[in-house]
Protein backbone atom coordinates (compact mmCIF):
# COMPACT_ATOMS: atom_id res chain seq x y z
CA MET A 1 16.59 -39.79 -36.80
CA GLY A 2 20.31 -39.92 -38.10
CA VAL A 3 23.40 -38.05 -37.98
CA GLU A 4 26.26 -37.10 -40.09
CA LEU A 5 29.46 -35.97 -38.97
CA GLU A 6 32.34 -34.57 -40.78
CA LEU A 7 35.93 -35.71 -39.09
CA GLN A 8 39.19 -33.94 -39.25
CA ILE A 9 42.07 -36.42 -40.38
CA LEU A 10 45.31 -35.71 -38.75
CA SER A 11 48.92 -36.67 -39.48
CA SER A 12 50.24 -38.42 -36.28
CA HIS A 13 53.41 -36.39 -36.61
CA ASP A 14 52.63 -32.84 -36.01
CA TYR A 15 48.45 -33.41 -35.53
CA ASN A 16 48.11 -31.05 -38.73
CA LEU A 17 45.67 -31.53 -41.19
CA THR A 18 46.92 -34.30 -44.00
CA ARG A 19 45.42 -35.78 -47.46
CA GLY A 20 44.22 -38.96 -45.87
CA ALA A 21 40.57 -39.77 -47.06
CA PRO A 22 41.55 -41.92 -50.00
CA ASP A 23 43.74 -44.31 -48.24
CA LEU A 24 41.49 -44.31 -44.79
CA LEU A 25 38.57 -44.95 -47.48
CA GLU A 26 40.45 -47.99 -48.84
CA GLN A 27 41.05 -49.46 -45.40
CA LEU A 28 37.52 -49.23 -44.37
CA ALA A 29 36.43 -50.76 -47.70
CA ARG A 30 38.36 -54.07 -46.52
CA ARG A 31 36.15 -54.17 -43.42
CA ASP A 32 32.45 -54.50 -42.13
CA HIS A 33 31.48 -51.92 -39.88
CA PRO A 34 28.09 -50.24 -39.25
CA GLY A 35 27.05 -46.98 -40.96
CA ASN A 36 28.62 -45.63 -43.63
CA VAL A 37 31.86 -43.45 -44.41
CA VAL A 38 31.96 -41.06 -47.74
CA PRO A 39 34.52 -38.61 -48.48
CA GLU A 40 33.83 -34.79 -48.27
CA ILE A 41 34.79 -32.12 -50.17
CA THR A 42 38.40 -31.89 -49.34
CA GLU A 43 41.09 -34.73 -48.99
CA ALA A 44 41.64 -33.80 -45.03
CA MET A 45 37.97 -34.79 -44.15
CA ILE A 46 35.72 -37.82 -43.81
CA GLU A 47 31.99 -37.87 -43.13
CA LEU A 48 30.50 -40.67 -41.00
CA ASN A 49 26.78 -41.82 -41.46
CA SER A 50 24.60 -43.29 -38.90
CA THR A 51 21.85 -45.55 -39.74
CA VAL A 52 18.13 -44.92 -39.18
CA HIS A 53 17.53 -44.89 -35.43
CA HIS A 54 14.16 -44.20 -33.33
CA ARG A 55 15.91 -44.23 -29.51
CA TYR A 56 19.05 -42.28 -28.47
CA GLU A 57 21.22 -45.29 -26.77
CA GLU A 58 20.87 -47.24 -30.13
CA LEU A 59 22.53 -43.88 -32.13
CA ALA A 60 25.49 -43.82 -29.64
CA ALA A 61 26.04 -47.26 -29.73
CA GLU A 62 26.36 -47.46 -33.41
CA LEU A 63 28.63 -44.13 -33.45
CA GLU A 64 30.56 -45.17 -31.04
CA THR A 65 31.09 -48.47 -32.81
CA LEU A 66 31.73 -46.71 -36.05
CA ARG A 67 34.27 -44.26 -34.22
CA ASP A 68 36.44 -47.63 -33.09
CA HIS A 69 36.84 -49.21 -36.62
CA LEU A 70 37.19 -45.63 -37.80
CA VAL A 71 40.28 -44.93 -35.43
CA ALA A 72 41.49 -48.62 -35.85
CA ALA A 73 41.99 -47.84 -39.64
CA ALA A 74 43.28 -44.67 -38.97
CA ASP A 75 45.73 -46.20 -36.55
CA ARG A 76 46.96 -48.66 -39.28
CA LEU A 77 47.90 -45.59 -41.55
CA HIS A 78 49.68 -43.64 -38.98
CA LEU A 79 46.78 -41.05 -39.08
CA ALA A 80 44.42 -39.76 -36.11
CA LEU A 81 40.98 -38.46 -36.13
CA ALA A 82 39.19 -35.65 -34.12
CA GLY A 83 36.09 -33.54 -33.67
CA GLY A 84 35.79 -30.20 -33.72
CA GLY A 85 34.40 -27.72 -35.83
CA THR A 86 37.71 -26.38 -37.08
CA HIS A 87 41.23 -27.33 -37.10
CA PRO A 88 43.00 -24.54 -35.19
CA PHE A 89 46.15 -24.07 -37.45
CA GLN A 90 45.76 -25.37 -41.08
CA ARG A 91 46.22 -23.15 -43.80
CA TRP A 92 43.00 -23.63 -46.42
CA SER A 93 45.34 -23.34 -49.29
CA ASP A 94 47.13 -26.22 -48.58
CA GLN A 95 44.13 -28.42 -48.98
CA ARG A 96 43.09 -30.35 -52.01
CA ILE A 97 39.54 -31.10 -53.66
CA TYR A 98 38.61 -34.57 -53.30
CA PRO A 99 38.33 -36.01 -56.92
CA LYS A 100 34.29 -36.54 -56.97
CA ALA A 101 32.41 -34.96 -59.80
CA ARG A 102 30.34 -33.12 -57.31
CA TYR A 103 33.23 -31.60 -54.94
CA LEU A 104 35.01 -30.71 -58.49
CA ALA A 105 32.20 -28.64 -59.69
CA VAL A 106 31.75 -26.67 -56.62
CA SER A 107 35.71 -25.65 -56.63
CA GLU A 108 35.17 -24.67 -59.95
CA LEU A 109 32.02 -22.31 -59.21
CA TYR A 110 33.40 -21.08 -55.31
CA GLY A 111 37.17 -20.74 -56.11
CA TYR A 112 38.99 -20.54 -53.02
CA LEU A 113 35.86 -20.53 -50.70
CA ALA A 114 35.70 -24.40 -51.53
CA LYS A 115 39.10 -25.32 -49.74
CA GLN A 116 38.07 -22.66 -47.20
CA PHE A 117 35.20 -24.90 -46.55
CA THR A 118 37.72 -27.34 -44.88
CA VAL A 119 35.50 -27.01 -41.70
CA PHE A 120 33.80 -29.59 -39.59
CA GLY A 121 30.01 -29.99 -38.89
CA GLN A 122 27.37 -32.27 -37.72
CA HIS A 123 23.81 -32.32 -39.75
CA ILE A 124 20.91 -34.01 -37.88
CA HIS A 125 17.88 -35.86 -39.98
CA ILE A 126 14.45 -36.11 -38.23
CA ALA A 127 11.92 -37.91 -40.24
CA CYS A 128 8.36 -36.34 -41.10
CA ARG A 129 4.91 -37.46 -41.97
CA ASP A 130 4.95 -35.12 -45.40
CA GLY A 131 6.00 -32.26 -46.85
CA ASP A 132 3.96 -30.09 -45.24
CA GLU A 133 5.05 -30.86 -41.93
CA ALA A 134 8.62 -30.25 -42.72
CA VAL A 135 8.07 -27.01 -44.33
CA ARG A 136 6.44 -26.07 -40.50
CA LEU A 137 9.53 -27.67 -38.78
CA THR A 138 11.89 -26.17 -40.69
CA ARG A 139 10.27 -22.92 -40.11
CA LEU A 140 9.36 -23.45 -36.18
CA LEU A 141 12.99 -24.70 -35.44
CA SER A 142 14.64 -21.91 -36.92
CA ARG A 143 13.92 -20.08 -33.63
CA TYR A 144 15.97 -22.91 -31.62
CA ILE A 145 19.10 -22.36 -33.94
CA PRO A 146 21.20 -20.31 -31.76
CA HIS A 147 20.41 -23.47 -29.05
CA PHE A 148 21.96 -25.90 -31.27
CA ILE A 149 24.59 -23.69 -31.94
CA ALA A 150 25.95 -23.25 -28.34
CA LEU A 151 25.29 -26.91 -27.37
CA SER A 152 27.59 -28.02 -30.18
CA ALA A 153 30.30 -24.98 -30.65
CA SER A 154 33.63 -26.27 -30.92
CA SER A 155 35.44 -24.03 -33.07
CA PRO A 156 37.50 -21.15 -30.95
CA PHE A 157 40.67 -21.37 -32.89
CA TYR A 158 41.31 -20.83 -36.80
CA GLN A 159 43.80 -19.99 -38.84
CA GLY A 160 46.44 -20.28 -35.60
CA VAL A 161 44.19 -17.47 -33.54
CA ASP A 162 41.60 -17.69 -30.87
CA THR A 163 38.97 -16.01 -33.01
CA ALA A 164 36.90 -14.54 -29.70
CA PHE A 165 34.18 -17.09 -31.18
CA ASP A 166 32.66 -20.37 -29.63
CA SER A 167 32.04 -21.25 -33.38
CA SER A 168 33.94 -19.76 -35.67
CA ARG A 169 33.28 -22.26 -38.33
CA LEU A 170 29.89 -20.85 -39.56
CA SER A 171 31.85 -18.10 -41.03
CA ALA A 172 32.58 -19.96 -43.75
CA VAL A 173 29.19 -21.31 -44.37
CA ASN A 174 28.05 -17.78 -44.52
CA ALA A 175 30.23 -16.87 -47.39
CA PHE A 176 28.17 -18.97 -49.71
CA PRO A 177 25.42 -16.98 -51.67
CA LEU A 178 22.70 -20.01 -50.95
CA SER A 179 23.31 -19.81 -47.03
CA GLY A 180 20.97 -18.59 -44.67
CA THR A 181 17.33 -19.69 -44.19
CA MET A 182 14.78 -21.26 -46.19
CA PRO A 183 12.11 -18.23 -47.62
CA PRO A 184 8.83 -18.14 -45.49
CA VAL A 185 6.67 -20.55 -47.36
CA ASP A 186 3.68 -22.20 -45.92
CA ASP A 187 3.60 -25.22 -47.28
CA TRP A 188 5.00 -27.95 -49.33
CA ALA A 189 3.43 -26.60 -52.48
CA GLY A 190 4.74 -23.27 -51.89
CA PHE A 191 8.41 -24.69 -51.41
CA ARG A 192 7.97 -26.74 -54.38
CA ASP A 193 6.79 -23.51 -56.30
CA TYR A 194 9.85 -21.80 -54.84
CA PHE A 195 12.36 -24.35 -55.74
CA GLN A 196 11.02 -24.89 -59.45
CA ARG A 197 11.34 -20.86 -59.72
CA MET A 198 14.93 -21.08 -58.54
CA ALA A 199 15.81 -24.11 -60.83
CA GLY A 200 14.36 -22.37 -63.41
CA TYR A 201 16.50 -19.65 -63.08
CA GLY A 202 19.53 -21.87 -62.95
CA VAL A 203 20.50 -21.35 -59.66
CA VAL A 204 20.12 -24.57 -58.05
CA ARG A 205 19.95 -27.90 -59.27
CA SER A 206 19.20 -29.68 -56.40
CA MET A 207 18.46 -29.51 -52.52
CA LYS A 208 22.27 -30.09 -52.11
CA ASP A 209 22.59 -26.45 -53.67
CA PHE A 210 20.78 -24.70 -50.95
CA TYR A 211 23.50 -24.37 -47.59
CA TRP A 212 20.44 -23.48 -45.67
CA ASP A 213 20.78 -23.67 -41.29
CA ILE A 214 17.89 -26.09 -41.96
CA ARG A 215 16.35 -27.50 -44.86
CA PRO A 216 14.01 -30.31 -46.02
CA LYS A 217 15.70 -33.44 -47.47
CA PRO A 218 12.69 -34.79 -49.99
CA ASN A 219 14.86 -37.89 -50.58
CA TYR A 220 15.16 -38.93 -47.50
CA GLY A 221 11.81 -37.63 -46.25
CA THR A 222 13.31 -35.54 -43.33
CA ILE A 223 14.18 -32.06 -42.18
CA GLU A 224 18.12 -31.77 -41.92
CA LEU A 225 19.91 -29.18 -39.22
CA ARG A 226 23.09 -28.23 -40.45
CA ILE A 227 24.00 -25.75 -37.97
CA CYS A 228 25.95 -27.80 -35.35
CA ASP A 229 29.56 -28.00 -35.12
CA THR A 230 31.19 -31.49 -35.12
CA PRO A 231 31.29 -32.24 -31.33
CA LEU A 232 34.37 -33.40 -29.56
CA THR A 233 32.80 -36.81 -28.63
CA PRO A 234 30.26 -39.55 -30.58
CA ARG A 235 28.09 -39.25 -27.41
CA GLN A 236 27.58 -35.52 -27.65
CA ALA A 237 26.60 -36.00 -31.12
CA ALA A 238 23.95 -38.16 -30.14
CA ARG A 239 22.58 -36.19 -27.09
CA LEU A 240 22.13 -33.54 -29.89
CA ALA A 241 20.46 -35.77 -32.10
CA ALA A 242 18.04 -36.82 -29.35
CA PHE A 243 17.58 -33.21 -28.29
CA ALA A 244 16.14 -32.54 -32.05
CA GLN A 245 14.14 -35.27 -31.72
CA ALA A 246 12.35 -34.26 -28.78
CA LEU A 247 12.00 -30.93 -29.78
CA VAL A 248 10.25 -32.03 -32.93
CA ALA A 249 7.99 -34.66 -30.89
CA TRP A 250 7.12 -31.61 -28.53
CA LEU A 251 6.14 -29.83 -31.73
CA ARG A 252 4.03 -31.99 -33.21
CA SER A 253 1.76 -32.35 -29.88
CA GLU A 254 1.11 -28.90 -30.17
CA PRO A 255 -0.12 -28.58 -33.80
CA GLY A 256 -1.70 -24.89 -32.79
CA ILE A 257 2.01 -23.69 -32.46
CA VAL A 258 2.73 -21.47 -35.67
CA PRO A 259 5.50 -19.72 -36.88
CA HIS A 260 5.65 -15.97 -35.11
CA PRO A 261 5.38 -13.27 -38.01
CA ASP A 262 8.43 -11.67 -36.36
CA LEU A 263 10.62 -14.63 -36.24
CA GLY A 264 12.95 -13.82 -38.78
CA MET A 265 13.47 -10.42 -37.64
CA PRO A 266 16.25 -11.44 -34.78
CA TYR A 267 17.37 -14.44 -36.54
CA THR A 268 20.65 -13.19 -37.39
CA PHE A 269 21.49 -11.20 -34.25
CA ASN A 270 20.49 -14.34 -32.23
CA ARG A 271 22.56 -16.54 -34.61
CA PHE A 272 25.52 -14.49 -34.16
CA GLN A 273 25.48 -14.30 -30.74
CA ALA A 274 25.14 -17.73 -30.25
CA CYS A 275 28.31 -18.21 -32.23
CA ARG A 276 29.93 -15.26 -30.67
CA PHE A 277 29.38 -15.87 -26.86
CA GLY A 278 28.10 -19.92 -26.91
CA LEU A 279 25.81 -20.63 -24.03
CA ALA A 280 26.72 -16.94 -22.44
CA ALA A 281 24.87 -15.59 -25.71
CA GLN A 282 21.76 -13.33 -25.37
CA PHE A 283 18.37 -14.39 -26.82
CA ILE A 284 15.44 -12.08 -28.48
CA ASP A 285 12.57 -13.69 -27.79
CA VAL A 286 9.83 -12.29 -30.04
CA ALA A 287 6.94 -14.50 -28.69
CA GLY A 288 7.65 -12.73 -25.48
CA SER A 289 8.79 -9.42 -26.79
CA ARG A 290 12.37 -9.79 -24.43
CA GLU A 291 15.44 -10.33 -24.30
CA ARG A 292 16.91 -12.83 -22.11
CA PRO A 293 20.14 -15.16 -21.34
CA LEU A 294 20.27 -18.07 -24.03
CA CYS A 295 21.02 -20.29 -21.30
CA ASP A 296 17.74 -19.42 -19.80
CA ASP A 297 15.92 -19.98 -22.65
CA LEU A 298 17.89 -23.32 -23.31
CA THR A 299 16.93 -24.49 -20.15
CA ASP A 300 13.17 -23.45 -20.13
CA THR A 301 13.23 -25.50 -23.67
CA LEU A 302 15.17 -28.82 -22.59
CA GLU A 303 12.54 -28.80 -19.28
CA ARG A 304 9.95 -28.45 -22.05
CA VAL A 305 10.67 -30.88 -24.35
CA LEU A 306 12.19 -34.03 -21.61
CA PRO A 307 8.63 -35.41 -21.10
CA HIS A 308 8.56 -35.95 -24.65
CA SER A 309 12.01 -37.57 -25.02
CA VAL A 310 10.72 -40.26 -22.28
CA PRO A 311 8.88 -42.86 -24.74
CA LEU A 312 11.71 -42.29 -27.31
CA GLY A 313 14.58 -43.40 -24.89
CA GLY A 314 15.83 -39.75 -24.92
CA ALA A 315 15.39 -38.63 -21.39
CA GLN A 316 19.07 -39.08 -20.37
CA ALA A 317 20.56 -37.07 -23.22
CA ILE A 318 18.15 -34.29 -22.13
CA HIS A 319 19.29 -34.36 -18.52
CA GLU A 320 23.10 -34.70 -19.63
CA LEU A 321 22.40 -31.53 -21.95
CA LEU A 322 20.68 -29.62 -19.02
CA GLN A 323 23.68 -30.05 -16.68
CA GLN A 324 25.97 -29.11 -19.44
CA VAL A 325 23.83 -25.56 -19.83
CA ARG A 326 23.57 -25.20 -15.91
CA ARG A 327 27.61 -25.49 -15.75
CA MET A 328 27.73 -23.46 -18.67
CA GLU A 329 29.96 -25.94 -20.14
CA ASN A 330 30.72 -26.79 -24.14
CA ASP A 331 33.40 -28.23 -26.20
CA ALA A 332 34.53 -24.35 -27.12
CA GLY A 333 35.21 -24.15 -23.46
CA TRP A 334 36.97 -27.73 -23.36
CA LEU A 335 39.33 -26.46 -25.93
CA ARG A 336 40.35 -23.45 -24.55
CA ALA A 337 40.85 -24.65 -21.16
CA THR A 338 43.04 -27.42 -22.67
CA ALA A 339 44.97 -25.12 -24.62
CA ALA A 340 45.86 -22.69 -22.05
CA ARG A 341 47.47 -26.07 -20.43
CA GLU A 342 49.31 -27.32 -23.50
CA PRO A 343 52.69 -25.72 -25.10
CA SER A 344 51.38 -25.87 -28.57
CA LEU A 345 48.17 -25.95 -30.99
CA GLY A 346 49.65 -28.89 -32.14
CA HIS A 347 49.22 -30.42 -28.65
CA LEU A 348 46.03 -29.67 -28.38
CA MET A 349 44.77 -31.33 -31.46
CA LEU A 350 47.04 -34.35 -30.30
CA ARG A 351 44.36 -33.92 -26.97
CA GLN A 352 41.55 -33.63 -29.46
CA ALA A 353 42.24 -36.57 -30.79
CA GLU A 354 42.50 -38.72 -27.68
CA ARG A 355 39.37 -37.31 -26.60
CA TRP A 356 37.76 -38.30 -29.98
CA ALA A 357 38.91 -41.74 -29.78
CA ASN A 358 38.12 -42.44 -25.98
CA GLY A 359 35.36 -39.99 -25.01
C-alpha cells in the first residue's frame, strides 16, 4: 500500500493560501527525505507520496518523518502547512496554475474549474495481483466509498462559510465531466476495451484523465481510492490506508463475493449522504434491502475486517477507527468545534497547521 497526500501551503502571516510550492520544492531538493514531494495543480498546493509499505506502523512512521521534513522546510520560508480537504476562506480566483505542462493543459481545457480544484485529498493505493482483480476490487469497493468519505471528512468550510457538509471538497471534483465511477465492466479485457474506445474518441489520453472515485492504476499495479479528504494528521492518513488494505484482504479471502446487480443504484445517494452528514449519514445496503445508519454499517465493516488486519500489522489502526466511529468523531467535527472557540477562520487555520505539525 501507499498514499498520496495533498497539503495546503499557508502564509504564516494570515494563514491564507500562498503561492509557496516553487520555493518549498527548492528547499526540499537540498536535503534528503523519505518518500517523494511533487507539485500539484496550483502553487498553493503540494503533494507528498509515500514509498510502498506492507504494514501500518511503517507507513505511519514514514509519513510522520516526511511531515517533519516538510514542516522544517516551510518554517525556513515563513510558511506553514496544513491538512484538511478545503481551505476555509481562500478565493479560487487568486490561485495560480503551477507551470507544468499537464496542469497548463488541464487549465486550458477546464477553464476556471482548474483553479477551483484547489482542494486537498488523500489517495490510497493497494496492490493487485492482476488486472482482473483490479476490476473486481474497484467494483466491490464502490460499496464502501461512503465509509471512507465519512471517516476522512475534513472540509466543512469553504469560501468563508460553513457549508453544512462534512466534506464539501467533493463538490469541486463532481464538476469534472470524467468524475464518478468506472463503468460496470466485468474484467480487465472489458476495461481495456472501454479505455481504448474512449481514447479512440479523443476523450482521454491516459488513466489520469479519469477523475473516478476509484480507478485501476496499471502503471503501479494498484487500485487507487481517490475519495478521501486529506486528514488533519499523518497518523489518520495511515489509519485510512490500513483500513483499505484490510478491506481488500477480506475481499480477497471471499472470492465468491461479487458486485450486487443493484450496487450502482443508490451510489450517488449514499455518496451524498456521507458528504453531507459524515458519520451521521444514512446508508442504503442493497444486499440487505434496507436503509440503516452509516455508522452501524461502518462499525460492522471494521469488525469484519479486523481479523484480516492482524497479520498485516493494522489491528491498532482498525481499533482506533472503531473508537472514532463509536464516538461519532471525525476531522470535520474537530474543525467545527475549534472554529467555535476561535475569533476567526484565520485562527482556525493556525490551529489546523499546529495539528498537522504536531499531531
